[in-house]
Protein backbone atom coordinates (compact mmCIF):
# COMPACT_ATOMS: atom_id res chain seq x y z
CA MET A 1 191.24 118.01 64.13
CA SER A 2 194.39 120.23 63.81
CA ALA A 3 195.78 121.99 66.62
CA PRO A 4 195.33 125.45 65.02
CA VAL A 5 191.68 124.50 64.24
CA ARG A 6 190.82 123.83 68.04
CA PHE A 7 192.75 127.02 69.10
CA LEU A 8 189.89 128.59 66.49
CA SER A 9 187.04 126.70 68.04
CA ARG A 10 188.20 127.63 71.73
CA SER A 11 189.33 131.20 70.89
CA MET A 12 186.20 132.42 68.52
CA LEU A 13 183.75 133.85 70.58
CA SER A 14 186.26 135.13 73.14
CA ALA A 15 187.52 136.74 70.10
CA VAL A 16 184.48 138.55 68.93
CA ALA A 17 183.37 139.37 72.45
CA ALA A 18 186.83 141.27 73.03
CA ALA A 19 186.57 142.72 69.19
CA SER A 20 183.67 144.10 69.75
CA LEU A 21 184.59 145.95 73.37
CA LEU A 22 187.45 147.58 71.53
CA GLY A 23 185.34 150.45 70.34
CA GLY A 24 185.12 152.56 66.98
CA CYS A 25 188.85 153.17 67.26
CA ALA A 26 190.27 152.16 64.14
CA ALA A 27 193.78 153.13 63.61
CA PHE A 28 197.05 151.18 62.33
CA GLN A 29 199.14 149.83 65.80
CA GLY A 30 202.44 149.89 65.96
CA SER A 31 202.78 146.78 64.36
CA ARG A 32 201.01 147.91 61.45
CA LYS A 33 197.92 145.20 61.83
CA ILE A 34 194.35 146.90 61.37
CA ASP A 35 192.03 147.44 63.71
CA VAL A 36 189.78 144.48 62.94
CA SER A 37 186.92 146.06 65.61
CA PRO A 38 185.13 147.60 62.68
CA PHE A 39 184.38 144.09 60.78
CA SER A 40 183.97 142.45 64.21
CA GLU A 41 181.14 145.06 65.76
CA ASN A 42 179.52 145.17 62.51
CA THR A 43 179.66 140.99 62.14
CA VAL A 44 177.69 141.27 66.29
CA GLY A 45 175.54 144.12 65.32
CA MET A 46 174.45 142.03 62.65
CA LEU A 47 174.09 138.69 64.56
CA GLY A 48 172.63 140.92 67.41
CA GLU A 49 169.18 142.22 64.81
CA MET A 50 169.03 138.85 63.84
CA GLN A 51 168.70 137.40 66.83
CA LYS A 52 165.61 140.01 67.77
CA PHE A 53 163.89 137.58 65.45
CA ASN A 54 164.38 135.06 67.66
CA ARG A 55 162.22 136.40 70.64
CA PRO A 56 158.95 135.50 71.71
CA VAL A 57 156.02 137.34 69.74
CA ASN A 58 153.46 138.66 72.89
CA TRP A 59 150.64 137.62 71.03
CA LEU A 60 147.62 139.09 73.37
CA TYR A 61 144.41 140.76 70.99
CA LEU A 62 145.91 138.55 68.01
CA ARG A 63 146.61 135.29 69.59
CA LYS A 64 144.16 133.55 67.84
CA TYR A 65 145.66 134.09 64.63
CA GLN A 66 149.69 133.40 65.49
CA PHE A 67 149.36 129.70 64.06
CA LEU A 68 147.87 130.84 60.65
CA PRO A 69 148.92 129.12 57.38
CA SER A 70 150.45 132.84 56.45
CA VAL A 71 152.26 133.33 59.68
CA ASN A 72 153.79 130.08 59.38
CA ALA A 73 154.79 130.79 55.47
CA VAL A 74 156.86 134.00 57.20
CA ARG A 75 158.16 131.35 60.29
CA GLU A 76 159.85 129.03 57.47
CA GLY A 77 160.55 131.55 55.60
CA LEU A 78 163.33 133.00 58.19
CA LYS A 79 164.40 129.63 58.69
CA PRO A 80 167.22 129.99 55.74
CA LEU A 81 167.61 133.48 57.06
CA ARG A 82 168.79 132.44 60.55
CA ASP A 83 171.03 129.63 59.01
CA LEU A 84 172.83 131.83 56.28
CA LEU A 85 173.51 134.32 59.40
CA ARG A 86 174.53 131.81 61.61
CA GLY A 87 177.21 131.02 59.10
CA ILE A 88 178.43 134.38 58.27
CA GLY A 89 178.92 134.54 61.77
CA LEU A 90 180.78 131.08 62.26
CA TYR A 91 182.86 132.83 59.44
CA SER A 92 183.42 135.97 60.75
CA THR A 93 184.77 134.66 64.06
CA GLN A 94 186.97 132.36 62.44
CA VAL A 95 188.10 135.68 60.53
CA VAL A 96 188.81 137.76 63.67
CA ALA A 97 190.44 134.58 65.67
CA LEU A 98 193.04 133.75 62.85
CA TYR A 99 193.89 137.77 62.01
CA ASP A 100 194.63 138.34 65.96
CA SER A 101 195.98 134.68 66.46
CA PRO A 102 199.69 134.25 67.07
CA LEU A 103 200.00 131.62 63.79
CA ALA A 104 202.26 132.28 61.23
CA GLU A 105 200.88 134.27 58.55
CA ASP A 106 201.33 131.13 56.01
CA ARG A 107 199.07 128.75 58.38
CA LYS A 108 196.92 131.32 58.33
CA ILE A 109 196.13 131.37 54.98
CA SER A 110 196.11 127.51 55.15
CA GLU A 111 193.81 127.65 57.97
CA LEU A 112 191.71 129.77 56.11
CA ALA A 113 191.35 127.61 53.04
CA ARG A 114 190.99 124.55 55.47
CA TYR A 115 187.83 126.11 57.11
CA MET A 116 186.20 126.46 53.37
CA ASP A 117 186.67 122.79 52.77
CA ASP A 118 185.78 121.41 56.30
CA TYR A 119 182.78 124.04 56.89
CA ILE A 120 181.50 126.10 53.54
CA ARG A 121 182.09 123.36 51.17
CA PRO A 122 179.81 120.66 53.17
CA SER A 123 176.99 123.52 53.26
CA LEU A 124 177.25 124.25 49.37
CA ALA A 125 176.94 120.80 48.83
CA ARG A 126 173.51 120.43 50.99
CA ALA A 127 172.52 124.07 49.38
CA ASP A 128 170.32 124.86 45.96
CA THR A 129 173.78 126.55 44.30
CA GLU A 130 171.27 128.51 42.03
CA GLU A 131 169.36 130.30 44.58
CA ILE A 132 172.40 131.03 46.46
CA GLY A 133 174.58 131.88 43.50
CA PHE A 134 177.66 130.12 44.59
CA SER A 135 178.69 126.90 43.40
CA THR A 136 181.10 124.39 44.62
CA THR A 137 182.78 125.05 41.43
CA ASP A 138 183.09 129.02 42.52
CA LEU A 139 184.60 127.92 45.76
CA ASP A 140 187.41 125.71 44.27
CA ALA A 141 187.99 129.03 42.59
CA VAL A 142 188.25 130.83 45.47
CA THR A 143 190.14 127.94 47.53
CA LYS A 144 193.05 128.26 45.01
CA SER A 145 193.46 131.86 44.94
CA ILE A 146 193.36 131.60 49.15
CA ARG A 147 196.59 129.20 48.89
CA SER A 148 198.51 130.72 46.54
CA SER A 149 197.58 134.27 48.65
CA LYS A 150 201.10 135.57 49.64
CA THR A 151 199.27 137.51 52.68
CA PHE A 152 196.10 137.20 55.04
CA LEU A 153 194.33 139.96 53.94
CA ALA A 154 195.62 139.21 50.06
CA ALA A 155 193.44 135.58 51.35
CA LEU A 156 190.43 137.46 52.39
CA GLY A 157 190.29 139.58 49.59
CA THR A 158 190.01 136.14 47.15
CA ALA A 159 187.13 135.25 49.17
CA GLN A 160 184.92 138.46 49.03
CA PRO A 161 183.14 136.68 46.12
CA LEU A 162 181.87 134.16 48.44
CA VAL A 163 180.79 137.62 50.87
CA ASN A 164 179.09 138.93 48.31
CA ALA A 165 176.87 135.76 47.26
CA ALA A 166 176.09 135.65 51.24
CA VAL A 167 175.21 139.22 50.73
CA SER A 168 172.70 138.94 47.63
CA ARG A 169 171.24 136.12 49.38
CA GLY A 170 170.67 137.49 52.02
CA ASN A 171 168.88 140.19 50.61
CA VAL A 172 166.43 137.81 48.57
CA LEU A 173 166.07 136.17 52.05
CA PHE A 174 164.88 139.47 53.70
CA ASP A 175 162.61 140.46 50.86
CA ASN A 176 160.89 136.89 50.88
CA VAL A 177 160.38 137.78 54.45
CA GLU A 178 159.04 141.32 54.45
CA GLN A 179 156.67 140.15 51.28
CA GLY A 180 155.64 136.99 53.72
CA ALA A 181 154.82 139.21 56.50
CA GLN A 182 152.99 142.21 54.37
CA VAL A 183 150.66 138.70 52.88
CA ALA A 184 150.16 138.06 57.01
CA ALA A 185 149.56 141.27 58.40
CA ALA A 186 147.08 141.66 55.24
CA ASP A 187 145.40 138.24 56.01
CA ILE A 188 145.20 139.11 59.78
CA ASN A 189 143.63 142.65 59.18
CA ALA A 190 140.83 140.71 56.75
CA ARG A 191 140.01 138.02 59.72
CA VAL A 192 140.22 140.97 62.33
CA GLU A 193 137.40 143.22 60.40
CA GLU A 194 135.29 140.04 59.34
CA GLU A 195 134.90 139.08 63.18
CA PHE A 196 134.34 142.60 64.41
CA ALA A 197 132.11 143.52 60.96
CA PRO A 198 128.56 142.88 63.23
CA LEU A 199 129.77 145.34 65.69
CA ASN A 200 130.88 148.29 63.54
CA ARG A 201 127.78 147.89 61.71
CA ASN A 202 126.04 148.12 65.42
CA VAL A 203 128.34 151.40 66.57
CA ALA A 204 127.58 153.02 63.54
CA GLN A 205 124.07 152.30 63.46
CA LEU A 206 123.59 153.91 66.97
CA GLU A 207 126.14 156.60 66.19
CA SER A 208 124.10 158.22 63.46
CA LEU A 209 120.95 157.41 65.38
CA HIS A 210 122.45 159.52 68.19
CA LEU A 211 123.75 162.53 66.29
CA ALA A 212 120.00 162.50 64.60
CA SER A 213 118.79 162.99 67.86
CA VAL A 214 121.07 165.85 68.97
CA HIS A 215 120.72 167.33 65.49
CA GLY A 216 116.88 167.10 66.22
CA TYR A 217 117.40 168.77 69.52
CA THR A 218 119.28 171.92 67.54
CA LEU A 219 116.76 172.43 64.88
CA ILE A 220 114.09 172.65 68.08
CA GLU A 221 115.90 175.17 69.35
CA ARG A 222 116.69 177.16 66.36
CA TYR A 223 112.88 176.89 65.92
CA ARG A 224 112.46 178.56 69.66
CA ASP A 225 115.08 181.32 68.20
CA GLY A 226 112.39 182.61 65.47
CA GLU A 227 114.33 180.29 62.50
CA ALA A 228 110.72 179.51 61.13
CA GLY A 229 112.18 177.07 58.40
CA ALA A 230 113.92 174.63 61.22
CA LEU A 231 110.41 173.10 61.94
CA ASP A 232 110.05 172.35 58.18
CA SER A 233 113.66 170.54 57.99
CA LEU A 234 112.99 168.74 61.63
CA ARG A 235 109.35 167.13 60.30
CA ASP A 236 111.71 165.92 57.28
CA GLN A 237 114.50 164.87 58.86
CA ASP A 238 113.40 163.34 62.67
CA PRO A 239 109.62 162.36 61.91
CA ALA A 240 109.62 160.68 65.26
CA VAL A 241 110.39 164.07 66.95
CA ALA A 242 108.28 165.75 64.79
CA ALA A 243 105.45 163.57 65.88
CA PHE A 244 105.07 165.83 69.14
CA LEU A 245 104.48 169.24 67.53
CA PRO A 246 101.28 170.23 65.88
CA ALA A 247 101.14 172.46 63.18
CA LYS A 248 101.43 175.43 65.34
CA PRO A 249 103.44 174.19 68.25
CA GLY A 250 103.37 175.98 71.83
CA PRO A 251 105.85 176.07 74.35
CA LYS A 252 104.86 172.58 76.03
CA ASP A 253 104.91 170.80 72.55
CA LEU A 254 108.44 171.80 72.37
CA ASP A 255 109.57 170.75 75.79
CA ALA A 256 108.06 167.44 75.17
CA ALA A 257 109.52 167.00 71.77
CA GLU A 258 113.06 168.01 73.24
CA GLY A 259 112.27 165.67 76.37
CA PHE A 260 112.03 162.85 73.47
CA ALA A 261 114.96 164.14 71.53
CA ILE A 262 117.29 163.91 75.02
CA SER A 263 115.65 160.64 76.43
CA ARG A 264 116.14 158.91 72.86
CA SER A 265 119.82 160.42 72.55
CA ASN A 266 120.93 159.07 76.14
CA ASN A 267 119.60 155.71 75.57
CA LEU A 268 121.85 155.34 72.30
CA GLN A 269 124.63 156.53 74.21
CA ALA A 270 123.40 153.63 77.16
CA LEU A 271 123.28 151.06 74.54
CA ARG A 272 126.84 152.15 72.50
CA SER A 273 128.35 151.94 75.99
CA GLN A 274 127.26 148.38 76.25
CA LEU A 275 129.68 147.94 73.09
CA ASP A 276 132.80 149.67 74.41
CA ALA A 277 134.42 146.60 75.83
CA GLN A 278 134.29 144.82 72.12
CA ALA A 279 135.08 148.29 70.40
CA GLU A 280 138.29 148.55 72.39
CA ALA A 281 138.52 145.12 72.06
CA TYR A 282 138.92 145.63 67.91
CA ARG A 283 140.70 149.01 67.84
CA SER A 284 143.57 146.86 70.28
CA SER A 285 143.35 143.98 67.64
CA LEU A 286 144.22 146.58 64.95
CA ASN A 287 146.96 148.36 66.91
CA GLU A 288 148.60 145.23 67.67
CA LEU A 289 148.39 144.66 64.34
CA GLU A 290 150.41 148.15 63.49
CA ASP A 291 152.61 147.84 65.85
CA LEU A 292 153.51 144.19 65.02
CA ARG A 293 153.87 145.07 61.10
CA ASN A 294 156.27 148.14 62.21
CA GLN A 295 158.28 146.10 64.01
CA THR A 296 158.67 143.34 62.02
CA ASP A 297 159.50 145.88 58.69
CA GLU A 298 161.82 147.71 61.41
CA ARG A 299 163.73 144.38 62.17
CA SER A 300 163.91 143.68 58.83
CA LYS A 301 165.65 147.14 57.18
CA LEU A 302 167.96 146.98 60.38
CA GLY A 303 168.93 143.10 59.60
CA ARG A 304 169.23 144.31 55.76
CA MET A 305 171.48 147.23 56.67
CA THR A 306 173.53 145.51 59.06
CA LEU A 307 174.50 142.48 56.55
CA LEU A 308 175.42 145.02 53.70
CA LEU A 309 177.97 146.97 56.10
CA TRP A 310 179.14 143.50 57.20
CA GLY A 311 179.79 142.62 53.45
CA ARG A 312 181.79 146.33 52.89
CA SER A 313 183.60 145.41 56.47
CA HIS A 314 184.61 142.43 54.68
CA ARG A 315 185.74 144.39 51.83
CA ASN A 316 187.75 146.75 53.40
CA LEU A 317 189.43 144.21 56.16
CA ALA A 318 190.61 142.32 53.08
CA ALA A 319 192.07 145.36 51.50
CA GLY A 320 193.67 146.66 54.32
CA ILE A 321 191.57 150.04 54.82
CA SER A 322 191.47 150.79 58.69
CA VAL A 323 187.69 153.06 59.12
CA LYS A 324 185.19 153.31 61.36
CA PRO A 325 182.13 151.38 61.20
CA MET A 326 179.77 152.74 58.42
CA ILE A 327 177.02 153.41 61.15
CA ASP A 328 177.13 152.99 65.36
CA VAL A 329 175.49 149.33 64.89
CA MET A 330 175.62 148.83 68.51
CA GLY A 331 173.87 152.09 69.39
CA ILE A 332 171.07 151.43 66.78
CA MET A 333 170.83 148.17 68.32
CA LYS A 334 170.35 149.95 72.17
CA SER A 335 168.23 152.81 70.83
CA THR A 336 165.47 150.65 69.03
CA ALA A 337 165.53 147.71 71.98
CA SER A 338 162.45 149.62 73.50
CA THR A 339 160.42 149.03 70.28
CA ALA A 340 161.13 146.55 68.56
CA THR A 341 160.55 143.86 71.33
CA LYS A 342 158.20 142.08 68.85
CA GLY A 343 157.33 141.31 65.44
CA LEU A 344 154.67 138.92 63.54
CA VAL A 345 157.09 136.09 63.98
CA PRO A 346 159.51 135.22 66.79
């Protein structure tokens, strides 16, 4: 390994860390060097979003479903995405370290071409180039253009086709993760509904009977108030209560019917309360699933957005355009940290 490459390996993490602290000010310096902080910041933001997928998931009510084939399929779909973004991060740190290094311009260009040959080429050789949309032949053309470039920024510009292919591939992988997450969520939802179906039927029946008792009591009160037709409605709708009432019920008959309706309602409520714990588990399972689904979607959207911003930042850097980041990526990461703490997959 050459001395410049060893220098890059030692300095690449510190270069990104330092660049990310430079803030959003992207102005020309006295040496006319471009401020690389927007590019570095978007790289850090992209990798930060991806790290959210690596956080352990707190499966509580849905713990029994965490290793379903549909959930494992999403985990498998994340692996190539992690690999891609890890490679993007390594490439970006090399670019930042090279750009800020004291090496001569021609040596920076040579080291960028060396990186393509030493790190990108082996990865392409192991990958499905049809899926990636970028082959070793394409890399040959990029490397040749890099070596013939007059400036380091021009060399970066010739690498843009590789960057574009990485962004496109990332979009496809994010699509796969999102589709897989939808399948997994639907699978879990169906299993939850099946598990709690007997409970929900019992709850529905008890609530229906309770409402009937309340309605029966209401009809008796309406009859007391002089609505003669209420008694006929009671006989049709609640025979159990109507059984206490003769053709012309007196006050005692009405009291007995009311007493039965109230007692039945209380008994039904007592039975219903015995199912509260199970009903709460059902509601909590659905709420947990909804949270996991929303947070997974949010992670994916933010990850995709920061990937796109990284690609644009690379293009702008290569073109010598000194601009602020498109959005405050680090601010987004901080503002969403409290809500995007878990998802369907770790």
